[in-house]
Amino acid sequence: MHRYKELHVWQKAIDLAVEVYRITEKLPAEEKYGLISQMNKSAVSIPSNIAEGAGRNGKKEFDNFLGIALGSSFELDTQIFISNRLDYINDQDFQHLESELEHLQNMIVKLKKSLNIH
């Protein structure tokens, strides 16, 4: 499965990462090394791990990297929640990101299940 760019889950993760970068540009400058950095790293980690797993030798390794991508998505979810509570992200952007992230998490879980590892 070396054609990760054809995976809808990877494409969706790329779109989400771009959205996160655009939204974190609006966060206060003092968060550059805090939430901005953490959110961007988590967002980039999701498609990066999907791609790395797809390039590995087998389903078991792919499943492992999908698990890491899923973990990064939950990190990002927590960071988005904190940013909203601090009023760094407005409610509209928060709801949109939450919805997109939930959809992406469901896609990752379905892909993991389709590998029939467990």
PDB file of N, CA and C in Angstrom:
ATOM      1  N   MET A   1       0.856  -1.192   0.000  1.00  0.00           N
ATOM      2  CA  MET A   1       0.000   0.000   0.000  1.00  0.00           C
ATOM      3  C   MET A   1       0.891   1.241   0.000  1.00  0.00           C
ATOM      4  N   HIS A   2       1.601   1.442  -1.055  1.00  0.00           N
ATOM      5  CA  HIS A   2       2.499   2.586  -1.130  1.00  0.00           C
ATOM      6  C   HIS A   2       1.827   3.800  -1.749  1.00  0.00           C
ATOM      7  N   ARG A   3       0.560   3.678  -2.102  1.00  0.00           N
ATOM      8  CA  ARG A   3      -0.157   4.766  -2.757  1.00  0.00           C
ATOM      9  C   ARG A   3      -1.016   5.518  -1.748  1.00  0.00           C
ATOM     10  N   TYR A   4      -0.366   6.003  -0.706  1.00  0.00           N
ATOM     11  CA  TYR A   4      -1.090   6.661   0.385  1.00  0.00           C
ATOM     12  C   TYR A   4      -1.830   7.917  -0.076  1.00  0.00           C
ATOM     13  N   LYS A   5      -1.336   8.582  -1.118  1.00  0.00           N
ATOM     14  CA  LYS A   5      -1.973   9.816  -1.582  1.00  0.00           C
ATOM     15  C   LYS A   5      -3.364   9.553  -2.148  1.00  0.00           C
ATOM     16  N   GLU A   6      -3.653   8.301  -2.464  1.00  0.00           N
ATOM     17  CA  GLU A   6      -4.974   7.936  -2.967  1.00  0.00           C
ATOM     18  C   GLU A   6      -5.959   7.634  -1.836  1.00  0.00           C
ATOM     19  N   LEU A   7      -5.456   7.497  -0.625  1.00  0.00           N
ATOM     20  CA  LEU A   7      -6.320   7.202   0.522  1.00  0.00           C
ATOM     21  C   LEU A   7      -7.122   8.451   0.914  1.00  0.00           C
ATOM     22  N   HIS A   8      -8.433   8.310   0.964  1.00  0.00           N
ATOM     23  CA  HIS A   8      -9.286   9.442   1.348  1.00  0.00           C
ATOM     24  C   HIS A   8      -8.960   9.912   2.768  1.00  0.00           C
ATOM     25  N   VAL A   9      -8.608   9.000   3.632  1.00  0.00           N
ATOM     26  CA  VAL A   9      -8.286   9.358   5.009  1.00  0.00           C
ATOM     27  C   VAL A   9      -7.031  10.238   5.051  1.00  0.00           C
ATOM     28  N   TRP A  10      -6.065   9.948   4.221  1.00  0.00           N
ATOM     29  CA  TRP A  10      -4.845  10.776   4.156  1.00  0.00           C
ATOM     30  C   TRP A  10      -5.193  12.160   3.608  1.00  0.00           C
ATOM     31  N   GLN A  11      -6.000  12.206   2.546  1.00  0.00           N
ATOM     32  CA  GLN A  11      -6.404  13.482   1.952  1.00  0.00           C
ATOM     33  C   GLN A  11      -7.161  14.343   2.960  1.00  0.00           C
ATOM     34  N   LYS A  12      -8.054  13.709   3.709  1.00  0.00           N
ATOM     35  CA  LYS A  12      -8.827  14.418   4.740  1.00  0.00           C
ATOM     36  C   LYS A  12      -7.904  14.938   5.843  1.00  0.00           C
ATOM     37  N   ALA A  13      -6.914  14.141   6.208  1.00  0.00           N
ATOM     38  CA  ALA A  13      -5.964  14.548   7.246  1.00  0.00           C
ATOM     39  C   ALA A  13      -5.114  15.731   6.776  1.00  0.00           C
ATOM     40  N   ILE A  14      -4.742  15.742   5.511  1.00  0.00           N
ATOM     41  CA  ILE A  14      -3.998  16.876   4.947  1.00  0.00           C
ATOM     42  C   ILE A  14      -4.857  18.139   5.014  1.00  0.00           C
ATOM     43  N   ASP A  15      -6.113  18.027   4.598  1.00  0.00           N
ATOM     44  CA  ASP A  15      -7.020  19.181   4.643  1.00  0.00           C
ATOM     45  C   ASP A  15      -7.153  19.721   6.063  1.00  0.00           C
ATOM     46  N   LEU A  16      -7.293  18.819   7.023  1.00  0.00           N
ATOM     47  CA  LEU A  16      -7.424  19.243   8.413  1.00  0.00           C
ATOM     48  C   LEU A  16      -6.147  19.942   8.888  1.00  0.00           C
ATOM     49  N   ALA A  17      -4.995  19.413   8.545  1.00  0.00           N
ATOM     50  CA  ALA A  17      -3.725  20.033   8.955  1.00  0.00           C
ATOM     51  C   ALA A  17      -3.619  21.454   8.408  1.00  0.00           C
ATOM     52  N   VAL A  18      -4.009  21.640   7.169  1.00  0.00           N
ATOM     53  CA  VAL A  18      -3.970  22.980   6.568  1.00  0.00           C
ATOM     54  C   VAL A  18      -4.917  23.918   7.314  1.00  0.00           C
ATOM     55  N   GLU A  19      -6.114  23.433   7.638  1.00  0.00           N
ATOM     56  CA  GLU A  19      -7.070  24.246   8.397  1.00  0.00           C
ATOM     57  C   GLU A  19      -6.516  24.628   9.763  1.00  0.00           C
ATOM     58  N   VAL A  20      -5.882  23.674  10.429  1.00  0.00           N
ATOM     59  CA  VAL A  20      -5.314  23.952  11.748  1.00  0.00           C
ATOM     60  C   VAL A  20      -4.237  25.031  11.645  1.00  0.00           C
ATOM     61  N   TYR A  21      -3.376  24.932  10.653  1.00  0.00           N
ATOM     62  CA  TYR A  21      -2.351  25.961  10.464  1.00  0.00           C
ATOM     63  C   TYR A  21      -2.986  27.337  10.249  1.00  0.00           C
ATOM     64  N   ARG A  22      -4.034  27.394   9.469  1.00  0.00           N
ATOM     65  CA  ARG A  22      -4.700  28.678   9.210  1.00  0.00           C
ATOM     66  C   ARG A  22      -5.336  29.247  10.475  1.00  0.00           C
ATOM     67  N   ILE A  23      -5.895  28.375  11.275  1.00  0.00           N
ATOM     68  CA  ILE A  23      -6.536  28.841  12.507  1.00  0.00           C
ATOM     69  C   ILE A  23      -5.491  29.229  13.556  1.00  0.00           C
ATOM     70  N   THR A  24      -4.408  28.479  13.655  1.00  0.00           N
ATOM     71  CA  THR A  24      -3.401  28.806  14.676  1.00  0.00           C
ATOM     72  C   THR A  24      -2.665  30.105  14.358  1.00  0.00           C
ATOM     73  N   GLU A  25      -2.715  30.542  13.100  1.00  0.00           N
ATOM     74  CA  GLU A  25      -2.127  31.845  12.757  1.00  0.00           C
ATOM     75  C   GLU A  25      -2.808  32.977  13.518  1.00  0.00           C
ATOM     76  N   LYS A  26      -4.040  32.752  13.936  1.00  0.00           N
ATOM     77  CA  LYS A  26      -4.828  33.777  14.625  1.00  0.00           C
ATOM     78  C   LYS A  26      -4.627  33.762  16.142  1.00  0.00           C
ATOM     79  N   LEU A  27      -3.964  32.725  16.665  1.00  0.00           N
ATOM     80  CA  LEU A  27      -3.759  32.633  18.108  1.00  0.00           C
ATOM     81  C   LEU A  27      -2.745  33.681  18.563  1.00  0.00           C
ATOM     82  N   PRO A  28      -2.786  34.041  19.847  1.00  0.00           N
ATOM     83  CA  PRO A  28      -1.854  35.054  20.356  1.00  0.00           C
ATOM     84  C   PRO A  28      -0.391  34.637  20.168  1.00  0.00           C
ATOM     85  N   ALA A  29       0.452  35.606  19.882  1.00  0.00           N
ATOM     86  CA  ALA A  29       1.875  35.357  19.629  1.00  0.00           C
ATOM     87  C   ALA A  29       2.547  34.652  20.797  1.00  0.00           C
ATOM     88  N   GLU A  30       2.093  34.915  22.008  1.00  0.00           N
ATOM     89  CA  GLU A  30       2.720  34.265  23.177  1.00  0.00           C
ATOM     90  C   GLU A  30       2.486  32.758  23.204  1.00  0.00           C
ATOM     91  N   GLU A  31       1.587  32.273  22.366  1.00  0.00           N
ATOM     92  CA  GLU A  31       1.334  30.832  22.274  1.00  0.00           C
ATOM     93  C   GLU A  31       2.178  30.155  21.195  1.00  0.00           C
ATOM     94  N   LYS A  32       3.110  30.902  20.584  1.00  0.00           N
ATOM     95  CA  LYS A  32       3.927  30.355  19.499  1.00  0.00           C
ATOM     96  C   LYS A  32       4.607  29.051  19.893  1.00  0.00           C
ATOM     97  N   TYR A  33       5.143  28.983  21.095  1.00  0.00           N
ATOM     98  CA  TYR A  33       5.851  27.782  21.551  1.00  0.00           C
ATOM     99  C   TYR A  33       4.977  26.913  22.449  1.00  0.00           C
ATOM    100  N   GLY A  34       3.718  27.274  22.572  1.00  0.00           N
ATOM    101  CA  GLY A  34       2.776  26.514  23.374  1.00  0.00           C
ATOM    102  C   GLY A  34       1.743  25.845  22.493  1.00  0.00           C
ATOM    103  N   LEU A  35       0.523  26.329  22.562  1.00  0.00           N
ATOM    104  CA  LEU A  35      -0.574  25.699  21.824  1.00  0.00           C
ATOM    105  C   LEU A  35      -0.372  25.709  20.315  1.00  0.00           C
ATOM    106  N   ILE A  36       0.152  26.792  19.759  1.00  0.00           N
ATOM    107  CA  ILE A  36       0.341  26.839  18.300  1.00  0.00           C
ATOM    108  C   ILE A  36       1.259  25.710  17.856  1.00  0.00           C
ATOM    109  N   SER A  37       2.391  25.598  18.507  1.00  0.00           N
ATOM    110  CA  SER A  37       3.358  24.558  18.157  1.00  0.00           C
ATOM    111  C   SER A  37       2.770  23.163  18.357  1.00  0.00           C
ATOM    112  N   GLN A  38       2.108  22.949  19.475  1.00  0.00           N
ATOM    113  CA  GLN A  38       1.531  21.638  19.779  1.00  0.00           C
ATOM    114  C   GLN A  38       0.427  21.261  18.786  1.00  0.00           C
ATOM    115  N   MET A  39      -0.440  22.218  18.486  1.00  0.00           N
ATOM    116  CA  MET A  39      -1.547  21.933  17.569  1.00  0.00           C
ATOM    117  C   MET A  39      -1.027  21.633  16.167  1.00  0.00           C
ATOM    118  N   ASN A  40      -0.066  22.415  15.715  1.00  0.00           N
ATOM    119  CA  ASN A  40       0.483  22.183  14.379  1.00  0.00           C
ATOM    120  C   ASN A  40       1.192  20.836  14.306  1.00  0.00           C
ATOM    121  N   LYS A  41       1.955  20.491  15.343  1.00  0.00           N
ATOM    122  CA  LYS A  41       2.648  19.194  15.357  1.00  0.00           C
ATOM    123  C   LYS A  41       1.645  18.044  15.360  1.00  0.00           C
ATOM    124  N   SER A  42       0.620  18.146  16.170  1.00  0.00           N
ATOM    125  CA  SER A  42      -0.394  17.088  16.219  1.00  0.00           C
ATOM    126  C   SER A  42      -1.098  16.948  14.877  1.00  0.00           C
ATOM    127  N   ALA A  43      -1.439  18.081  14.272  1.00  0.00           N
ATOM    128  CA  ALA A  43      -2.150  18.060  12.996  1.00  0.00           C
ATOM    129  C   ALA A  43      -1.299  17.443  11.889  1.00  0.00           C
ATOM    130  N   VAL A  44      -0.018  17.774  11.862  1.00  0.00           N
ATOM    131  CA  VAL A  44       0.884  17.228  10.839  1.00  0.00           C
ATOM    132  C   VAL A  44       1.167  15.751  11.095  1.00  0.00           C
ATOM    133  N   SER A  45       1.168  15.362  12.345  1.00  0.00           N
ATOM    134  CA  SER A  45       1.449  13.979  12.711  1.00  0.00           C
ATOM    135  C   SER A  45       0.415  13.006  12.161  1.00  0.00           C
ATOM    136  N   ILE A  46      -0.814  13.442  12.028  1.00  0.00           N
ATOM    137  CA  ILE A  46      -1.878  12.545  11.581  1.00  0.00           C
ATOM    138  C   ILE A  46      -1.629  12.050  10.155  1.00  0.00           C
ATOM    139  N   PRO A  47      -1.539  12.934   9.144  1.00  0.00           N
ATOM    140  CA  PRO A  47      -1.291  12.422   7.791  1.00  0.00           C
ATOM    141  C   PRO A  47       0.107  11.833   7.636  1.00  0.00           C
ATOM    142  N   SER A  48       1.058  12.336   8.411  1.00  0.00           N
ATOM    143  CA  SER A  48       2.425  11.808   8.323  1.00  0.00           C
ATOM    144  C   SER A  48       2.473  10.348   8.743  1.00  0.00           C
ATOM    145  N   ASN A  49       1.773  10.002   9.810  1.00  0.00           N
ATOM    146  CA  ASN A  49       1.766   8.618  10.271  1.00  0.00           C
ATOM    147  C   ASN A  49       0.950   7.711   9.359  1.00  0.00           C
ATOM    148  N   ILE A  50      -0.101   8.249   8.763  1.00  0.00           N
ATOM    149  CA  ILE A  50      -0.860   7.464   7.784  1.00  0.00           C
ATOM    150  C   ILE A  50       0.053   7.131   6.606  1.00  0.00           C
ATOM    151  N   ALA A  51       0.786   8.127   6.127  1.00  0.00           N
ATOM    152  CA  ALA A  51       1.692   7.918   4.991  1.00  0.00           C
ATOM    153  C   ALA A  51       2.812   6.950   5.346  1.00  0.00           C
ATOM    154  N   GLU A  52       3.420   7.131   6.511  1.00  0.00           N
ATOM    155  CA  GLU A  52       4.513   6.249   6.907  1.00  0.00           C
ATOM    156  C   GLU A  52       4.036   4.816   7.054  1.00  0.00           C
ATOM    157  N   GLY A  53       2.880   4.633   7.658  1.00  0.00           N
ATOM    158  CA  GLY A  53       2.333   3.291   7.821  1.00  0.00           C
ATOM    159  C   GLY A  53       2.013   2.628   6.490  1.00  0.00           C
ATOM    160  N   ALA A  54       1.496   3.430   5.561  1.00  0.00           N
ATOM    161  CA  ALA A  54       1.172   2.885   4.238  1.00  0.00           C
ATOM    162  C   ALA A  54       2.427   2.444   3.502  1.00  0.00           C
ATOM    163  N   GLY A  55       3.541   3.057   3.831  1.00  0.00           N
ATOM    164  CA  GLY A  55       4.796   2.713   3.174  1.00  0.00           C
ATOM    165  C   GLY A  55       5.551   1.579   3.832  1.00  0.00           C
ATOM    166  N   ARG A  56       5.017   1.044   4.897  1.00  0.00           N
ATOM    167  CA  ARG A  56       5.673  -0.050   5.605  1.00  0.00           C
ATOM    168  C   ARG A  56       5.398  -1.392   4.940  1.00  0.00           C
ATOM    169  N   ASN A  57       5.961  -2.443   5.521  1.00  0.00           N
ATOM    170  CA  ASN A  57       5.955  -3.756   4.877  1.00  0.00           C
ATOM    171  C   ASN A  57       4.679  -4.579   5.002  1.00  0.00           C
ATOM    172  N   GLY A  58       3.853  -4.260   5.946  1.00  0.00           N
ATOM    173  CA  GLY A  58       2.680  -5.115   6.096  1.00  0.00           C
ATOM    174  C   GLY A  58       1.539  -4.446   6.828  1.00  0.00           C
ATOM    175  N   LYS A  59       0.438  -5.181   6.920  1.00  0.00           N
ATOM    176  CA  LYS A  59      -0.770  -4.669   7.561  1.00  0.00           C
ATOM    177  C   LYS A  59      -0.563  -4.357   9.041  1.00  0.00           C
ATOM    178  N   LYS A  60       0.221  -5.207   9.705  1.00  0.00           N
ATOM    179  CA  LYS A  60       0.421  -5.002  11.146  1.00  0.00           C
ATOM    180  C   LYS A  60       1.134  -3.677  11.416  1.00  0.00           C
ATOM    181  N   GLU A  61       2.144  -3.385  10.626  1.00  0.00           N
ATOM    182  CA  GLU A  61       2.855  -2.113  10.794  1.00  0.00           C
ATOM    183  C   GLU A  61       1.945  -0.945  10.434  1.00  0.00           C
ATOM    184  N   PHE A  62       1.165  -1.088   9.363  1.00  0.00           N
ATOM    185  CA  PHE A  62       0.230  -0.038   8.971  1.00  0.00           C
ATOM    186  C   PHE A  62      -0.764   0.218  10.098  1.00  0.00           C
ATOM    187  N   ASP A  63      -1.287  -0.843  10.679  1.00  0.00           N
ATOM    188  CA  ASP A  63      -2.225  -0.734  11.793  1.00  0.00           C
ATOM    189  C   ASP A  63      -1.598   0.039  12.952  1.00  0.00           C
ATOM    190  N   ASN A  64      -0.344  -0.241  13.243  1.00  0.00           N
ATOM    191  CA  ASN A  64       0.351   0.450  14.326  1.00  0.00           C
ATOM    192  C   ASN A  64       0.446   1.951  14.050  1.00  0.00           C
ATOM    193  N   PHE A  65       0.808   2.313  12.841  1.00  0.00           N
ATOM    194  CA  PHE A  65       0.926   3.727  12.513  1.00  0.00           C
ATOM    195  C   PHE A  65      -0.429   4.420  12.453  1.00  0.00           C
ATOM    196  N   LEU A  66      -1.464   3.690  12.072  1.00  0.00           N
ATOM    197  CA  LEU A  66      -2.814   4.259  12.130  1.00  0.00           C
ATOM    198  C   LEU A  66      -3.204   4.536  13.580  1.00  0.00           C
ATOM    199  N   GLY A  67      -2.764   3.665  14.486  1.00  0.00           N
ATOM    200  CA  GLY A  67      -3.006   3.886  15.911  1.00  0.00           C
ATOM    201  C   GLY A  67      -2.309   5.147  16.405  1.00  0.00           C
ATOM    202  N   ILE A  68      -1.101   5.380  15.928  1.00  0.00           N
ATOM    203  CA  ILE A  68      -0.370   6.596  16.300  1.00  0.00           C
ATOM    204  C   ILE A  68      -1.090   7.821  15.733  1.00  0.00           C
ATOM    205  N   ALA A  69      -1.548   7.732  14.482  1.00  0.00           N
ATOM    206  CA  ALA A  69      -2.295   8.837  13.872  1.00  0.00           C
ATOM    207  C   ALA A  69      -3.560   9.134  14.672  1.00  0.00           C
ATOM    208  N   LEU A  70      -4.238   8.079  15.105  1.00  0.00           N
ATOM    209  CA  LEU A  70      -5.447   8.256  15.910  1.00  0.00           C
ATOM    210  C   LEU A  70      -5.119   8.940  17.231  1.00  0.00           C
ATOM    211  N   GLY A  71      -4.027   8.523  17.853  1.00  0.00           N
ATOM    212  CA  GLY A  71      -3.591   9.164  19.097  1.00  0.00           C
ATOM    213  C   GLY A  71      -3.309  10.646  18.897  1.00  0.00           C
ATOM    214  N   SER A  72      -2.649  10.977  17.804  1.00  0.00           N
ATOM    215  CA  SER A  72      -2.373  12.386  17.497  1.00  0.00           C
ATOM    216  C   SER A  72      -3.670  13.163  17.289  1.00  0.00           C
ATOM    217  N   SER A  73      -4.669  12.511  16.717  1.00  0.00           N
ATOM    218  CA  SER A  73      -5.953  13.191  16.513  1.00  0.00           C
ATOM    219  C   SER A  73      -6.619  13.516  17.847  1.00  0.00           C
ATOM    220  N   PHE A  74      -6.458  12.630  18.828  1.00  0.00           N
ATOM    221  CA  PHE A  74      -7.024  12.907  20.150  1.00  0.00           C
ATOM    222  C   PHE A  74      -6.236  13.992  20.875  1.00  0.00           C
ATOM    223  N   GLU A  75      -4.928  14.044  20.647  1.00  0.00           N
ATOM    224  CA  GLU A  75      -4.131  15.157  21.175  1.00  0.00           C
ATOM    225  C   GLU A  75      -4.644  16.471  20.602  1.00  0.00           C
ATOM    226  N   LEU A  76      -4.812  16.495  19.286  1.00  0.00           N
ATOM    227  CA  LEU A  76      -5.298  17.705  18.621  1.00  0.00           C
ATOM    228  C   LEU A  76      -6.672  18.088  19.140  1.00  0.00           C
ATOM    229  N   ASP A  77      -7.538  17.129  19.337  1.00  0.00           N
ATOM    230  CA  ASP A  77      -8.878  17.389  19.852  1.00  0.00           C
ATOM    231  C   ASP A  77      -8.796  18.092  21.213  1.00  0.00           C
ATOM    232  N   THR A  78      -7.921  17.615  22.065  1.00  0.00           N
ATOM    233  CA  THR A  78      -7.739  18.219  23.390  1.00  0.00           C
ATOM    234  C   THR A  78      -7.221  19.653  23.265  1.00  0.00           C
ATOM    235  N   GLN A  79      -6.273  19.870  22.371  1.00  0.00           N
ATOM    236  CA  GLN A  79      -5.695  21.207  22.180  1.00  0.00           C
ATOM    237  C   GLN A  79      -6.712  22.179  21.601  1.00  0.00           C
ATOM    238  N   ILE A  80      -7.563  21.696  20.710  1.00  0.00           N
ATOM    239  CA  ILE A  80      -8.630  22.533  20.151  1.00  0.00           C
ATOM    240  C   ILE A  80      -9.607  22.922  21.256  1.00  0.00           C
ATOM    241  N   PHE A  81      -9.928  21.962  22.098  1.00  0.00           N
ATOM    242  CA  PHE A  81     -10.852  22.215  23.207  1.00  0.00           C
ATOM    243  C   PHE A  81     -10.287  23.274  24.151  1.00  0.00           C
ATOM    244  N   ILE A  82      -9.019  23.146  24.514  1.00  0.00           N
ATOM    245  CA  ILE A  82      -8.367  24.117  25.394  1.00  0.00           C
ATOM    246  C   ILE A  82      -8.349  25.494  24.741  1.00  0.00           C
ATOM    247  N   SER A  83      -8.023  25.545  23.456  1.00  0.00           N
ATOM    248  CA  SER A  83      -7.974  26.821  22.739  1.00  0.00           C
ATOM    249  C   SER A  83      -9.331  27.513  22.724  1.00  0.00           C
ATOM    250  N   ASN A  84     -10.386  26.733  22.589  1.00  0.00           N
ATOM    251  CA  ASN A  84     -11.725  27.302  22.624  1.00  0.00           C
ATOM    252  C   ASN A  84     -12.070  27.815  24.014  1.00  0.00           C
ATOM    253  N   ARG A  85     -11.733  27.041  25.029  1.00  0.00           N
ATOM    254  CA  ARG A  85     -12.015  27.461  26.408  1.00  0.00           C
ATOM    255  C   ARG A  85     -11.273  28.740  26.774  1.00  0.00           C
ATOM    256  N   LEU A  86     -10.092  28.945  26.166  1.00  0.00           N
ATOM    257  CA  LEU A  86      -9.322  30.171  26.398  1.00  0.00           C
ATOM    258  C   LEU A  86      -9.760  31.309  25.482  1.00  0.00           C
ATOM    259  N   ASP A  87     -10.793  31.075  24.687  1.00  0.00           N
ATOM    260  CA  ASP A  87     -11.303  32.039  23.707  1.00  0.00           C
ATOM    261  C   ASP A  87     -10.290  32.402  22.632  1.00  0.00           C
ATOM    262  N   TYR A  88      -9.382  31.478  22.342  1.00  0.00           N
ATOM    263  CA  TYR A  88      -8.437  31.668  21.237  1.00  0.00           C
ATOM    264  C   TYR A  88      -9.073  31.241  19.912  1.00  0.00           C
ATOM    265  N   ILE A  89      -9.982  30.282  19.986  1.00  0.00           N
ATOM    266  CA  ILE A  89     -10.705  29.798  18.815  1.00  0.00           C
ATOM    267  C   ILE A  89     -12.182  30.060  19.058  1.00  0.00           C
ATOM    268  N   ASN A  90     -12.819  30.746  18.120  1.00  0.00           N
ATOM    269  CA  ASN A  90     -14.240  31.054  18.296  1.00  0.00           C
ATOM    270  C   ASN A  90     -15.078  29.782  18.180  1.00  0.00           C
ATOM    271  N   ASP A  91     -16.315  29.880  18.620  1.00  0.00           N
ATOM    272  CA  ASP A  91     -17.187  28.706  18.668  1.00  0.00           C
ATOM    273  C   ASP A  91     -17.451  28.116  17.287  1.00  0.00           C
ATOM    274  N   GLN A  92     -17.560  28.955  16.282  1.00  0.00           N
ATOM    275  CA  GLN A  92     -17.806  28.462  14.921  1.00  0.00           C
ATOM    276  C   GLN A  92     -16.625  27.639  14.424  1.00  0.00           C
ATOM    277  N   ASP A  93     -15.410  28.146  14.566  1.00  0.00           N
ATOM    278  CA  ASP A  93     -14.223  27.394  14.155  1.00  0.00           C
ATOM    279  C   ASP A  93     -14.062  26.131  14.995  1.00  0.00           C
ATOM    280  N   PHE A  94     -14.366  26.242  16.273  1.00  0.00           N
ATOM    281  CA  PHE A  94     -14.280  25.093  17.174  1.00  0.00           C
ATOM    282  C   PHE A  94     -15.217  23.977  16.710  1.00  0.00           C
ATOM    283  N   GLN A  95     -16.476  24.320  16.459  1.00  0.00           N
ATOM    284  CA  GLN A  95     -17.450  23.319  16.029  1.00  0.00           C
ATOM    285  C   GLN A  95     -17.046  22.685  14.702  1.00  0.00           C
ATOM    286  N   HIS A  96     -16.540  23.509  13.795  1.00  0.00           N
ATOM    287  CA  HIS A  96     -16.115  22.995  12.500  1.00  0.00           C
ATOM    288  C   HIS A  96     -14.943  22.023  12.660  1.00  0.00           C
ATOM    289  N   LEU A  97     -13.935  22.417  13.424  1.00  0.00           N
ATOM    290  CA  LEU A  97     -12.773  21.541  13.633  1.00  0.00           C
ATOM    291  C   LEU A  97     -13.163  20.257  14.347  1.00  0.00           C
ATOM    292  N   GLU A  98     -14.026  20.372  15.330  1.00  0.00           N
ATOM    293  CA  GLU A  98     -14.480  19.187  16.059  1.00  0.00           C
ATOM    294  C   GLU A  98     -15.195  18.211  15.123  1.00  0.00           C
ATOM    295  N   SER A  99     -16.037  18.736  14.268  1.00  0.00           N
ATOM    296  CA  SER A  99     -16.771  17.899  13.328  1.00  0.00           C
ATOM    297  C   SER A  99     -15.820  17.213  12.337  1.00  0.00           C
ATOM    298  N   GLU A 100     -14.905  17.979  11.785  1.00  0.00           N
ATOM    299  CA  GLU A 100     -13.937  17.430  10.835  1.00  0.00           C
ATOM    300  C   GLU A 100     -13.044  16.383  11.502  1.00  0.00           C
ATOM    301  N   LEU A 101     -12.635  16.665  12.706  1.00  0.00           N
ATOM    302  CA  LEU A 101     -11.767  15.751  13.437  1.00  0.00           C
ATOM    303  C   LEU A 101     -12.494  14.459  13.787  1.00  0.00           C
ATOM    304  N   GLU A 102     -13.738  14.564  14.200  1.00  0.00           N
ATOM    305  CA  GLU A 102     -14.520  13.358  14.508  1.00  0.00           C
ATOM    306  C   GLU A 102     -14.697  12.491  13.266  1.00  0.00           C
ATOM    307  N   HIS A 103     -14.964  13.143  12.144  1.00  0.00           N
ATOM    308  CA  HIS A 103     -15.110  12.406  10.885  1.00  0.00           C
ATOM    309  C   HIS A 103     -13.800  11.697  10.533  1.00  0.00           C
ATOM    310  N   LEU A 104     -12.683  12.394  10.684  1.00  0.00           N
ATOM    311  CA  LEU A 104     -11.375  11.812  10.394  1.00  0.00           C
ATOM    312  C   LEU A 104     -11.074  10.642  11.330  1.00  0.00           C
ATOM    313  N   GLN A 105     -11.380  10.791  12.599  1.00  0.00           N
ATOM    314  CA  GLN A 105     -11.152   9.703  13.559  1.00  0.00           C
ATOM    315  C   GLN A 105     -11.965   8.468  13.168  1.00  0.00           C
ATOM    316  N   ASN A 106     -13.202   8.670  12.751  1.00  0.00           N
ATOM    317  CA  ASN A 106     -14.038   7.547  12.311  1.00  0.00           C
ATOM    318  C   ASN A 106     -13.437   6.871  11.087  1.00  0.00           C
ATOM    319  N   MET A 107     -12.891   7.658  10.175  1.00  0.00           N
ATOM    320  CA  MET A 107     -12.262   7.098   8.981  1.00  0.00           C
ATOM    321  C   MET A 107     -11.042   6.249   9.349  1.00  0.00           C
ATOM    322  N   ILE A 108     -10.247   6.737  10.288  1.00  0.00           N
ATOM    323  CA  ILE A 108      -9.057   5.993  10.712  1.00  0.00           C
ATOM    324  C   ILE A 108      -9.465   4.673  11.362  1.00  0.00           C
ATOM    325  N   VAL A 109     -10.465   4.724  12.228  1.00  0.00           N
ATOM    326  CA  VAL A 109     -10.937   3.509  12.907  1.00  0.00           C
ATOM    327  C   VAL A 109     -11.457   2.501  11.883  1.00  0.00           C
ATOM    328  N   LYS A 110     -12.215   2.955  10.902  1.00  0.00           N
ATOM    329  CA  LYS A 110     -12.735   2.048   9.868  1.00  0.00           C
ATOM    330  C   LYS A 110     -11.609   1.432   9.050  1.00  0.00           C
ATOM    331  N   LEU A 111     -10.589   2.233   8.739  1.00  0.00           N
ATOM    332  CA  LEU A 111      -9.455   1.702   7.989  1.00  0.00           C
ATOM    333  C   LEU A 111      -8.717   0.658   8.815  1.00  0.00           C
ATOM    334  N   LYS A 112      -8.529   0.944  10.114  1.00  0.00           N
ATOM    335  CA  LYS A 112      -7.892  -0.045  10.997  1.00  0.00           C
ATOM    336  C   LYS A 112      -8.688  -1.350  10.999  1.00  0.00           C
ATOM    337  N   LYS A 113      -9.999  -1.259  11.130  1.00  0.00           N
ATOM    338  CA  LYS A 113     -10.835  -2.462  11.148  1.00  0.00           C
ATOM    339  C   LYS A 113     -10.749  -3.230   9.828  1.00  0.00           C
ATOM    340  N   SER A 114     -10.632  -2.502   8.733  1.00  0.00           N
ATOM    341  CA  SER A 114     -10.570  -3.157   7.421  1.00  0.00           C
ATOM    342  C   SER A 114      -9.294  -3.963   7.222  1.00  0.00           C
ATOM    343  N   LEU A 115      -8.279  -3.684   8.024  1.00  0.00           N
ATOM    344  CA  LEU A 115      -7.023  -4.432   7.914  1.00  0.00           C
ATOM    345  C   LEU A 115      -7.122  -5.825   8.513  1.00  0.00           C
ATOM    346  N   ASN A 116      -8.172  -6.084   9.306  1.00  0.00           N
ATOM    347  CA  ASN A 116      -8.414  -7.397   9.920  1.00  0.00           C
ATOM    348  C   ASN A 116      -7.196  -7.922  10.689  1.00  0.00           C
ATOM    349  N   ILE A 117      -6.611  -7.065  11.523  1.00  0.00           N
ATOM    350  CA  ILE A 117      -5.442  -7.448  12.314  1.00  0.00           C
ATOM    351  C   ILE A 117      -5.877  -8.153  13.604  1.00  0.00           C
ATOM    352  N   HIS A 118      -6.932  -7.691  14.198  1.00  0.00           N
ATOM    353  CA  HIS A 118      -7.296  -8.160  15.545  1.00  0.00           C
ATOM    354  C   HIS A 118      -8.293  -9.278  15.512  1.00  0.00           C
TER     355      HIS A 118
END
